[in-house]
C-alpha atoms as a PDB file:
ATOM      1  CA  MET A   1      17.945 -18.008  -5.103  1.00  0.00           C
ATOM      2  CA  SER A   2      16.583 -21.035  -3.238  1.00  0.00           C
ATOM      3  CA  THR A   3      13.029 -22.353  -3.503  1.00  0.00           C
ATOM      4  CA  THR A   4      10.298 -19.790  -2.962  1.00  0.00           C
ATOM      5  CA  VAL A   5       8.500 -19.699   0.367  1.00  0.00           C
ATOM      6  CA  PHE A   6       4.775 -18.913   0.445  1.00  0.00           C
ATOM      7  CA  ASP A   7       3.378 -18.516   3.928  1.00  0.00           C
ATOM      8  CA  ARG A   8       0.125 -17.141   5.328  1.00  0.00           C
ATOM      9  CA  ARG A   9       0.059 -16.112   8.959  1.00  0.00           C
ATOM     10  CA  ASP A  10      -2.413 -14.653  11.403  1.00  0.00           C
ATOM     11  CA  VAL A  11      -0.428 -12.566  13.878  1.00  0.00           C
ATOM     12  CA  ASP A  12      -1.817 -11.563  17.264  1.00  0.00           C
ATOM     13  CA  ILE A  13      -1.532  -7.831  17.929  1.00  0.00           C
ATOM     14  CA  SER A  14      -2.919  -6.937  21.380  1.00  0.00           C
ATOM     15  CA  GLY A  15      -5.716  -9.458  21.043  1.00  0.00           C
ATOM     16  CA  TRP A  16      -6.505  -8.571  17.427  1.00  0.00           C
ATOM     17  CA  ARG A  17      -5.465 -10.628  14.401  1.00  0.00           C
ATOM     18  CA  LEU A  18      -3.536  -9.242  11.428  1.00  0.00           C
ATOM     19  CA  HIS A  19      -3.556 -11.479   8.366  1.00  0.00           C
ATOM     20  CA  ALA A  20      -0.212 -11.478   6.528  1.00  0.00           C
ATOM     21  CA  ARG A  21       1.266 -13.204   3.495  1.00  0.00           C
ATOM     22  CA  ILE A  22       4.993 -13.817   3.040  1.00  0.00           C
ATOM     23  CA  ARG A  23       6.624 -14.795  -0.239  1.00  0.00           C
ATOM     24  CA  GLY A  24      10.261 -15.409  -1.106  1.00  0.00           C
ATOM     25  CA  ARG A  25      13.251 -15.503   1.224  1.00  0.00           C
ATOM     26  CA  ALA A  26      15.302 -12.877   2.998  1.00  0.00           C
ATOM     27  CA  GLY A  27      18.514 -12.158   1.110  1.00  0.00           C
ATOM     28  CA  PRO A  28      20.897  -9.335   0.218  1.00  0.00           C
ATOM     29  CA  LEU A  29      18.050  -7.073  -0.912  1.00  0.00           C
ATOM     30  CA  PRO A  30      15.742  -5.433   1.644  1.00  0.00           C
ATOM     31  CA  THR A  31      12.428  -7.072   2.420  1.00  0.00           C
ATOM     32  CA  VAL A  32       9.615  -5.339   0.514  1.00  0.00           C
ATOM     33  CA  VAL A  33       6.529  -4.544   2.608  1.00  0.00           C
ATOM     34  CA  LEU A  34       3.350  -3.802   0.648  1.00  0.00           C
ATOM     35  CA  GLU A  35       0.879  -1.308   2.156  1.00  0.00           C
ATOM     36  CA  SER A  36      -2.429  -1.535   0.336  1.00  0.00           C
ATOM     37  CA  GLY A  37      -4.819   1.155  -0.751  1.00  0.00           C
ATOM     38  CA  GLY A  38      -8.330   1.416   0.649  1.00  0.00           C
ATOM     39  CA  GLY A  39     -11.683   0.289  -0.564  1.00  0.00           C
ATOM     40  CA  GLY A  40     -11.502  -3.470  -0.856  1.00  0.00           C
ATOM     41  CA  VAL A  41      -9.805  -6.804  -0.311  1.00  0.00           C
ATOM     42  CA  GLN A  42      -6.153  -5.965  -0.364  1.00  0.00           C
ATOM     43  CA  LEU A  43      -4.002  -9.072  -0.744  1.00  0.00           C
ATOM     44  CA  PRO A  44      -5.262 -10.292  -4.169  1.00  0.00           C
ATOM     45  CA  SER A  45      -4.397  -6.939  -5.754  1.00  0.00           C
ATOM     46  CA  TRP A  46      -0.675  -7.501  -5.133  1.00  0.00           C
ATOM     47  CA  ARG A  47      -0.394 -10.996  -6.597  1.00  0.00           C
ATOM     48  CA  SER A  48       1.335 -10.108  -9.895  1.00  0.00           C
ATOM     49  CA  ILE A  49       3.838  -7.806  -8.173  1.00  0.00           C
ATOM     50  CA  GLU A  50       4.546 -10.387  -5.461  1.00  0.00           C
ATOM     51  CA  GLU A  51       5.167 -13.107  -8.034  1.00  0.00           C
ATOM     52  CA  ALA A  52       7.641 -10.879  -9.884  1.00  0.00           C
ATOM     53  CA  LEU A  53       9.498  -9.886  -6.701  1.00  0.00           C
ATOM     54  CA  GLU A  54       9.610 -13.180  -4.805  1.00  0.00           C
ATOM     55  CA  PRO A  55      12.454 -14.840  -6.767  1.00  0.00           C
ATOM     56  CA  HIS A  56      14.686 -11.949  -5.702  1.00  0.00           C
ATOM     57  CA  THR A  57      13.751 -11.027  -2.138  1.00  0.00           C
ATOM     58  CA  ARG A  58      11.265 -11.524   0.669  1.00  0.00           C
ATOM     59  CA  VAL A  59       7.878  -9.847   0.172  1.00  0.00           C
ATOM     60  CA  LEU A  60       5.378  -9.163   2.948  1.00  0.00           C
ATOM     61  CA  SER A  61       1.793  -8.080   2.326  1.00  0.00           C
ATOM     62  CA  TYR A  62      -0.906  -7.788   4.962  1.00  0.00           C
ATOM     63  CA  GLU A  63      -4.451  -6.594   5.558  1.00  0.00           C
ATOM     64  CA  ARG A  64      -4.919  -3.659   7.901  1.00  0.00           C
ATOM     65  CA  ALA A  65      -7.056  -4.043  11.013  1.00  0.00           C
ATOM     66  CA  GLY A  66     -10.645  -4.931  10.194  1.00  0.00           C
ATOM     67  CA  ILE A  67      -9.938  -5.472   6.486  1.00  0.00           C
ATOM     68  CA  GLY A  68     -10.355  -8.874   4.823  1.00  0.00           C
ATOM     69  CA  ASP A  69      -9.259 -11.613   7.233  1.00  0.00           C
ATOM     70  CA  SER A  70      -7.792  -9.187   9.779  1.00  0.00           C
ATOM     71  CA  THR A  71      -9.739  -8.220  12.868  1.00  0.00           C
ATOM     72  CA  GLY A  72      -9.342  -5.012  14.824  1.00  0.00           C
ATOM     73  CA  PRO A  73     -10.992  -1.895  16.201  1.00  0.00           C
ATOM     74  CA  LEU A  74     -12.861   0.373  13.810  1.00  0.00           C
ATOM     75  CA  ASP A  75     -11.798   3.595  15.538  1.00  0.00           C
ATOM     76  CA  SER A  76      -8.065   3.381  14.867  1.00  0.00           C
ATOM     77  CA  VAL A  77      -7.492   4.126  11.192  1.00  0.00           C
ATOM     78  CA  ARG A  78      -5.282   7.153  11.824  1.00  0.00           C
ATOM     79  CA  PRO A  79      -1.639   6.827  10.707  1.00  0.00           C
ATOM     80  CA  GLU A  80      -0.041   6.459  14.150  1.00  0.00           C
ATOM     81  CA  ALA A  81      -2.315   3.558  15.094  1.00  0.00           C
ATOM     82  CA  VAL A  82      -1.657   1.858  11.740  1.00  0.00           C
ATOM     83  CA  ALA A  83       2.106   2.443  12.125  1.00  0.00           C
ATOM     84  CA  GLN A  84       2.148   0.931  15.608  1.00  0.00           C
ATOM     85  CA  ARG A  85       0.417  -2.219  14.376  1.00  0.00           C
ATOM     86  CA  LEU A  86       2.748  -2.538  11.371  1.00  0.00           C
ATOM     87  CA  GLU A  87       5.792  -2.144  13.619  1.00  0.00           C
ATOM     88  CA  ARG A  88       4.521  -4.892  15.905  1.00  0.00           C
ATOM     89  CA  LEU A  89       3.749  -7.097  12.900  1.00  0.00           C
ATOM     90  CA  LEU A  90       7.328  -6.730  11.641  1.00  0.00           C
ATOM     91  CA  GLN A  91       8.649  -7.597  15.094  1.00  0.00           C
ATOM     92  CA  ALA A  92       6.404 -10.659  15.353  1.00  0.00           C
ATOM     93  CA  LEU A  93       7.567 -11.887  11.933  1.00  0.00           C
ATOM     94  CA  ASP A  94      11.227 -11.263  12.851  1.00  0.00           C
ATOM     95  CA  VAL A  95      11.721  -8.673  10.119  1.00  0.00           C
ATOM     96  CA  THR A  96      14.456  -6.735  11.892  1.00  0.00           C
ATOM     97  CA  GLU A  97      16.364  -5.106   9.027  1.00  0.00           C
ATOM     98  CA  PRO A  98      15.241  -1.842   7.373  1.00  0.00           C
ATOM     99  CA  VAL A  99      12.605  -2.559   4.722  1.00  0.00           C
ATOM    100  CA  ILE A 100      11.448  -1.048   1.470  1.00  0.00           C
ATOM    101  CA  LEU A 101       7.922   0.147   2.199  1.00  0.00           C
ATOM    102  CA  ALA A 102       5.662   0.331  -0.865  1.00  0.00           C
ATOM    103  CA  GLY A 103       2.280   2.026  -0.476  1.00  0.00           C
ATOM    104  CA  HIS A 104      -0.494   2.249  -3.062  1.00  0.00           C
ATOM    105  CA  SER A 105      -3.137   5.004  -3.025  1.00  0.00           C
ATOM    106  CA  ILE A 106      -4.075   5.765   0.614  1.00  0.00           C
ATOM    107  CA  GLY A 107      -1.409   3.213   1.549  1.00  0.00           C
ATOM    108  CA  GLY A 108       1.079   5.823   0.354  1.00  0.00           C
ATOM    109  CA  LEU A 109      -0.068   8.140   3.144  1.00  0.00           C
ATOM    110  CA  TYR A 110       0.324   5.397   5.737  1.00  0.00           C
ATOM    111  CA  SER A 111       3.738   4.465   4.311  1.00  0.00           C
ATOM    112  CA  ARG A 112       4.991   8.044   4.371  1.00  0.00           C
ATOM    113  CA  TYR A 113       3.933   8.446   7.982  1.00  0.00           C
ATOM    114  CA  PHE A 114       5.668   5.207   9.011  1.00  0.00           C
ATOM    115  CA  ALA A 115       8.858   6.077   7.122  1.00  0.00           C
ATOM    116  CA  THR A 116       8.992   9.614   8.495  1.00  0.00           C
ATOM    117  CA  THR A 117       8.303   8.719  12.123  1.00  0.00           C
ATOM    118  CA  ARG A 118      10.364   5.502  12.102  1.00  0.00           C
ATOM    119  CA  PRO A 119      13.234   6.170   9.675  1.00  0.00           C
ATOM    120  CA  HIS A 120      15.442   3.492  11.267  1.00  0.00           C
ATOM    121  CA  ARG A 121      12.947   0.846  10.043  1.00  0.00           C
ATOM    122  CA  VAL A 122      12.887   1.948   6.393  1.00  0.00           C
ATOM    123  CA  ALA A 123      15.627   1.618   3.758  1.00  0.00           C
ATOM    124  CA  GLY A 124      13.530   3.150   0.997  1.00  0.00           C
ATOM    125  CA  LEU A 125      10.024   4.340   0.212  1.00  0.00           C
ATOM    126  CA  VAL A 126       7.988   3.433  -2.888  1.00  0.00           C
ATOM    127  CA  LEU A 127       4.835   5.461  -3.552  1.00  0.00           C
ATOM    128  CA  LEU A 128       2.475   3.863  -6.082  1.00  0.00           C
ATOM    129  CA  ASP A 129       0.006   6.427  -7.419  1.00  0.00           C
ATOM    130  CA  ALA A 130      -0.078   7.601  -3.822  1.00  0.00           C
ATOM    131  CA  THR A 131      -2.758   9.860  -2.391  1.00  0.00           C
ATOM    132  CA  PRO A 132      -1.160  13.280  -1.775  1.00  0.00           C
ATOM    133  CA  GLU A 133      -1.696  14.963   1.563  1.00  0.00           C
ATOM    134  CA  ASP A 134      -2.015  18.445   0.071  1.00  0.00           C
ATOM    135  CA  LEU A 135      -4.852  17.753  -2.377  1.00  0.00           C
ATOM    136  CA  PRO A 136      -7.990  17.289  -0.234  1.00  0.00           C
ATOM    137  CA  PHE A 137     -10.768  15.172  -1.659  1.00  0.00           C
ATOM    138  CA  PRO A 138     -14.105  16.982  -2.034  1.00  0.00           C
ATOM    139  CA  ARG A 139     -16.619  15.781   0.526  1.00  0.00           C
ATOM    140  CA  SER A 140     -18.947  14.872  -2.330  1.00  0.00           C
ATOM    141  CA  MET A 141     -16.312  12.494  -3.732  1.00  0.00           C
ATOM    142  CA  ILE A 142     -15.766  10.891  -0.319  1.00  0.00           C
ATOM    143  CA  LEU A 143     -19.524  10.477   0.136  1.00  0.00           C
ATOM    144  CA  ALA A 144     -19.911   8.953  -3.325  1.00  0.00           C
ATOM    145  CA  SER A 145     -17.118   6.463  -2.600  1.00  0.00           C
ATOM    146  CA  GLY A 146     -18.792   5.429   0.631  1.00  0.00           C
ATOM    147  CA  ILE A 147     -22.177   4.975  -1.041  1.00  0.00           C
ATOM    148  CA  ALA A 148     -20.656   2.915  -3.863  1.00  0.00           C
ATOM    149  CA  PHE A 149     -18.861   0.665  -1.416  1.00  0.00           C
ATOM    150  CA  TRP A 150     -21.979   0.151   0.687  1.00  0.00           C
ATOM    151  CA  ALA A 151     -23.905  -0.739  -2.489  1.00  0.00           C
ATOM    152  CA  ALA A 152     -21.259  -3.359  -3.332  1.00  0.00           C
ATOM    153  CA  HIS A 153     -21.676  -4.777   0.176  1.00  0.00           C
ATOM    154  CA  CYS A 154     -25.430  -5.097  -0.348  1.00  0.00           C
ATOM    155  CA  LEU A 155     -24.882  -6.836  -3.699  1.00  0.00           C
ATOM    156  CA  ALA A 156     -22.491  -9.276  -2.036  1.00  0.00           C
ATOM    157  CA  ARG A 157     -25.058 -10.093   0.650  1.00  0.00           C
ATOM    158  CA  MET A 158     -27.662 -10.695  -2.073  1.00  0.00           C
ATOM    159  CA  GLY A 159     -25.367 -13.088  -3.977  1.00  0.00           C
ATOM    160  CA  VAL A 160     -25.026 -10.862  -7.036  1.00  0.00           C
ATOM    161  CA  LEU A 161     -21.209 -10.635  -6.845  1.00  0.00           C
ATOM    162  CA  LYS A 162     -20.941 -14.420  -6.832  1.00  0.00           C
ATOM    163  CA  ARG A 163     -22.795 -14.574 -10.144  1.00  0.00           C
ATOM    164  CA  LEU A 164     -20.307 -12.059 -11.567  1.00  0.00           C
ATOM    165  CA  GLY A 165     -17.496 -14.554 -10.978  1.00  0.00           C
ATOM    166  CA  LEU A 166     -15.479 -12.561  -8.439  1.00  0.00           C
ATOM    167  CA  PRO A 167     -12.939 -14.470  -6.293  1.00  0.00           C
ATOM    168  CA  PRO A 168     -14.486 -16.141  -3.201  1.00  0.00           C
ATOM    169  CA  HIS A 169     -12.146 -14.292  -0.805  1.00  0.00           C
ATOM    170  CA  GLN A 170     -13.244 -10.953  -2.226  1.00  0.00           C
ATOM    171  CA  ILE A 171     -16.933 -11.873  -2.114  1.00  0.00           C
ATOM    172  CA  ALA A 172     -16.650 -13.035   1.506  1.00  0.00           C
ATOM    173  CA  ALA A 173     -14.941  -9.816   2.555  1.00  0.00           C
ATOM    174  CA  MET A 174     -17.395  -7.590   0.707  1.00  0.00           C
ATOM    175  CA  GLY A 175     -20.232  -9.399   2.465  1.00  0.00           C
ATOM    176  CA  SER A 176     -18.622  -8.926   5.890  1.00  0.00           C
ATOM    177  CA  ARG A 177     -20.018  -6.066   7.965  1.00  0.00           C
ATOM    178  CA  ARG A 178     -16.709  -5.770   9.826  1.00  0.00           C
ATOM    179  CA  HIS A 179     -14.776  -5.384   6.582  1.00  0.00           C
ATOM    180  CA  VAL A 180     -17.194  -2.824   5.169  1.00  0.00           C
ATOM    181  CA  LYS A 181     -17.281  -0.790   8.381  1.00  0.00           C
ATOM    182  CA  SER A 182     -13.465  -0.712   8.443  1.00  0.00           C
ATOM    183  CA  VAL A 183     -13.222   0.456   4.835  1.00  0.00           C
ATOM    184  CA  LEU A 184     -15.903   3.090   5.411  1.00  0.00           C
ATOM    185  CA  ALA A 185     -13.994   4.260   8.496  1.00  0.00           C
ATOM    186  CA  GLU A 186     -10.875   4.797   6.349  1.00  0.00           C
ATOM    187  CA  ILE A 187     -12.868   6.617   3.679  1.00  0.00           C
ATOM    188  CA  GLY A 188     -14.563   8.812   6.274  1.00  0.00           C
ATOM    189  CA  ALA A 189     -11.252   9.663   7.950  1.00  0.00           C
ATOM    190  CA  LEU A 190      -9.389  10.432   4.712  1.00  0.00           C
ATOM    191  CA  ARG A 191      -9.139  14.174   5.307  1.00  0.00           C
ATOM    192  CA  ASP A 192      -7.917  13.608   8.866  1.00  0.00           C
ATOM    193  CA  ILE A 193      -5.359  11.100   7.606  1.00  0.00           C
ATOM    194  CA  GLN A 194      -4.121  13.642   5.059  1.00  0.00           C
ATOM    195  CA  ALA A 195      -3.879  16.268   7.810  1.00  0.00           C
ATOM    196  CA  ASP A 196      -1.766  13.913   9.942  1.00  0.00           C
ATOM    197  CA  ILE A 197       0.761  13.658   7.098  1.00  0.00           C
ATOM    198  CA  ALA A 198       0.792  17.340   6.155  1.00  0.00           C
ATOM    199  CA  GLY A 199       3.998  19.086   7.107  1.00  0.00           C
ATOM    200  CA  LEU A 200       5.944  15.899   7.793  1.00  0.00           C
ATOM    201  CA  THR A 201       9.362  15.752   6.154  1.00  0.00           C
ATOM    202  CA  PRO A 202      11.988  13.024   6.544  1.00  0.00           C
ATOM    203  CA  SER A 203      14.389  13.757   9.396  1.00  0.00           C
ATOM    204  CA  ILE A 204      17.099  12.050   7.351  1.00  0.00           C
ATOM    205  CA  PRO A 205      17.388  11.698   3.542  1.00  0.00           C
ATOM    206  CA  LEU A 206      15.150   8.824   2.474  1.00  0.00           C
ATOM    207  CA  PRO A 207      15.455   7.230  -0.985  1.00  0.00           C
ATOM    208  CA  THR A 208      12.025   7.590  -2.572  1.00  0.00           C
ATOM    209  CA  LEU A 209      10.610   6.082  -5.762  1.00  0.00           C
ATOM    210  CA  ALA A 210       7.293   7.630  -6.834  1.00  0.00           C
ATOM    211  CA  ILE A 211       5.426   5.715  -9.552  1.00  0.00           C
ATOM    212  CA  SER A 212       2.451   7.327 -11.286  1.00  0.00           C
ATOM    213  CA  ALA A 213      -0.247   5.924 -13.541  1.00  0.00           C
ATOM    214  CA  GLY A 214      -0.083   7.365 -17.043  1.00  0.00           C
ATOM    215  CA  LEU A 215      -3.865   7.404 -17.519  1.00  0.00           C
ATOM    216  CA  LYS A 216      -6.511   8.882 -15.262  1.00  0.00           C
ATOM    217  CA  SER A 217      -9.147   6.571 -13.801  1.00  0.00           C
ATOM    218  CA  GLY A 218     -11.702   9.250 -13.008  1.00  0.00           C
ATOM    219  CA  GLY A 219     -12.095  12.863 -12.029  1.00  0.00           C
ATOM    220  CA  SER A 220     -10.976  15.887 -13.980  1.00  0.00           C
ATOM    221  CA  SER A 221      -7.839  16.181 -16.088  1.00  0.00           C
ATOM    222  CA  ARG A 222      -6.757  19.094 -13.903  1.00  0.00           C
ATOM    223  CA  ARG A 223      -6.928  16.972 -10.752  1.00  0.00           C
ATOM    224  CA  PHE A 224      -5.058  14.169 -12.515  1.00  0.00           C
ATOM    225  CA  GLU A 225      -2.223  16.553 -13.403  1.00  0.00           C
ATOM    226  CA  GLN A 226      -2.157  17.801  -9.804  1.00  0.00           C
ATOM    227  CA  PHE A 227      -1.721  14.208  -8.648  1.00  0.00           C
ATOM    228  CA  ARG A 228       1.198  13.641 -11.007  1.00  0.00           C
ATOM    229  CA  HIS A 229       2.844  16.889  -9.940  1.00  0.00           C
ATOM    230  CA  SER A 230       2.534  15.857  -6.297  1.00  0.00           C
ATOM    231  CA  HIS A 231       4.224  12.528  -7.065  1.00  0.00           C
ATOM    232  CA  HIS A 232       7.175  14.346  -8.629  1.00  0.00           C
ATOM    233  CA  ARG A 233       7.376  16.557  -5.533  1.00  0.00           C
ATOM    234  CA  LEU A 234       7.269  13.545  -3.196  1.00  0.00           C
ATOM    235  CA  ALA A 235      10.213  11.942  -4.991  1.00  0.00           C
ATOM    236  CA  ALA A 236      12.173  15.178  -4.624  1.00  0.00           C
ATOM    237  CA  MET A 237      11.344  15.317  -0.905  1.00  0.00           C
ATOM    238  CA  GLY A 238      13.375  12.154  -0.383  1.00  0.00           C
ATOM    239  CA  ARG A 239      16.527  14.291  -0.668  1.00  0.00           C
ATOM    240  CA  ALA A 240      18.559  11.118  -1.163  1.00  0.00           C
ATOM    241  CA  PRO A 241      20.446   9.294  -3.932  1.00  0.00           C
ATOM    242  CA  HIS A 242      18.324   7.089  -6.203  1.00  0.00           C
ATOM    243  CA  SER A 243      15.129   9.069  -5.580  1.00  0.00           C
ATOM    244  CA  ARG A 244      13.124   9.470  -8.790  1.00  0.00           C
ATOM    245  CA  HIS A 245       9.673   9.728 -10.350  1.00  0.00           C
ATOM    246  CA  LEU A 246       8.555   7.028 -12.802  1.00  0.00           C
ATOM    247  CA  ARG A 247       5.398   7.197 -14.925  1.00  0.00           C
ATOM    248  CA  ILE A 248       3.863   4.042 -16.428  1.00  0.00           C
ATOM    249  CA  GLU A 249       2.235   4.995 -19.715  1.00  0.00           C
ATOM    250  CA  GLY A 250      -1.048   3.207 -20.342  1.00  0.00           C
ATOM    251  CA  ALA A 251      -1.527   2.270 -16.696  1.00  0.00           C
ATOM    252  CA  GLN A 252      -4.422   3.385 -14.524  1.00  0.00           C
ATOM    253  CA  HIS A 253      -4.708   3.622 -10.749  1.00  0.00           C
ATOM    254  CA  MET A 254      -5.585  -0.058 -10.200  1.00  0.00           C
ATOM    255  CA  SER A 255      -4.198  -1.607 -13.382  1.00  0.00           C
ATOM    256  CA  MET A 256      -0.661  -0.771 -12.248  1.00  0.00           C
ATOM    257  CA  LEU A 257      -1.200  -3.561  -9.693  1.00  0.00           C
ATOM    258  CA  THR A 258      -3.581  -5.953 -11.399  1.00  0.00           C
ATOM    259  CA  GLU A 259      -2.649  -5.841 -15.110  1.00  0.00           C
ATOM    260  CA  PRO A 260       0.345  -8.224 -15.406  1.00  0.00           C
ATOM    261  CA  SER A 261       2.358  -6.097 -17.845  1.00  0.00           C
ATOM    262  CA  HIS A 262       1.909  -2.974 -15.715  1.00  0.00           C
ATOM    263  CA  ALA A 263       2.582  -4.876 -12.491  1.00  0.00           C
ATOM    264  CA  HIS A 264       5.804  -6.299 -13.929  1.00  0.00           C
ATOM    265  CA  THR A 265       6.925  -2.771 -14.813  1.00  0.00           C
ATOM    266  CA  VAL A 266       6.224  -1.710 -11.219  1.00  0.00           C
ATOM    267  CA  ALA A 267       8.096  -4.730  -9.861  1.00  0.00           C
ATOM    268  CA  ALA A 268      11.066  -4.058 -12.157  1.00  0.00           C
ATOM    269  CA  GLY A 269      11.192  -0.476 -10.885  1.00  0.00           C
ATOM    270  CA  ILE A 270      11.118  -1.659  -7.265  1.00  0.00           C
ATOM    271  CA  LEU A 271      13.869  -4.220  -7.893  1.00  0.00           C
ATOM    272  CA  ASP A 272      16.101  -1.672  -9.615  1.00  0.00           C
ATOM    273  CA  PHE A 273      15.475   0.709  -6.708  1.00  0.00           C
ATOM    274  CA  ALA A 274      16.284  -2.019  -4.156  1.00  0.00           C
ATOM    275  CA  ARG A 275      19.523  -2.965  -5.893  1.00  0.00           C
ATOM    276  CA  LYS A 276      20.697   0.638  -6.087  1.00  0.00           C
ATOM    277  CA  ILE A 277      19.936   1.190  -2.404  1.00  0.00           C
ATOM    278  CA  SER A 278      21.791  -1.983  -1.428  1.00  0.00           C
ATOM    279  CA  ARG A 279      24.781  -1.121  -3.607  1.00  0.00           C
ATOM    280  CA  HIS A 280      24.893   2.404  -2.158  1.00  0.00           C
ATOM    281  CA  ASP A 281      24.766   1.055   1.415  1.00  0.00           C
ATOM    282  CA  THR A 282      27.527  -1.454   0.661  1.00  0.00           C
ATOM    283  CA  LEU A 283      29.785   1.186  -0.851  1.00  0.00           C
ATOM    284  CA  GLY A 284      28.944   3.597   1.959  1.00  0.00           C
END
């Protein structure tokens, strides 16, 4: 493939700015769109996966409204609002062909909603340790997450995170009130977001690759097993050729993105999935 392209863009969406990063070039494989999880600066988490994918296809990652370098209203974290902005972002970047949409954690909920309500825009769905819609988070867990994130914001404002050697982009975002309010809005709306997804099934068969972490990052072993079972069920819901459930032994919820060996395994799974989808479409 020709020389890699690395491009950052700020795209205007109804007066708000969505910050996007594009790597690689469009080719025979579908463009891969990365939908981040919640709780922090999103683009740096994808770096290892982007670097593994970009020699083979175009990769688009972006920060949702209000997160990181993106601006946007704080009252529109529900899936339909997020889907509308993503659709307009794809249009603005001239991504017209069906994409592979890969969502991590809460990004899996957003990705499922987009793929189900806009099936003509999606060639395949990748769910990376995705949050299930049918396993509500206890309110105590949601509250604890919010408190922990607010504490990190306070530490950033005090300069403590800088002394820990965190990347400047991450420190700047964690110190931003807009960023923190947006993340807290997503955390606070998690149950509503899950409810928006509940009961949705693809109107047409949708190839689905569900990838689970092999090790739990927190919570009970019972809840961890419920998560893995839900991932197997989500792959089966695709009702399409090449749908499957892959577990990465030794990986945890975040290390599947940030640990290079785990991220390369994820990227290899996505590439294999993309090639099978493309081959199936060509033969079809």
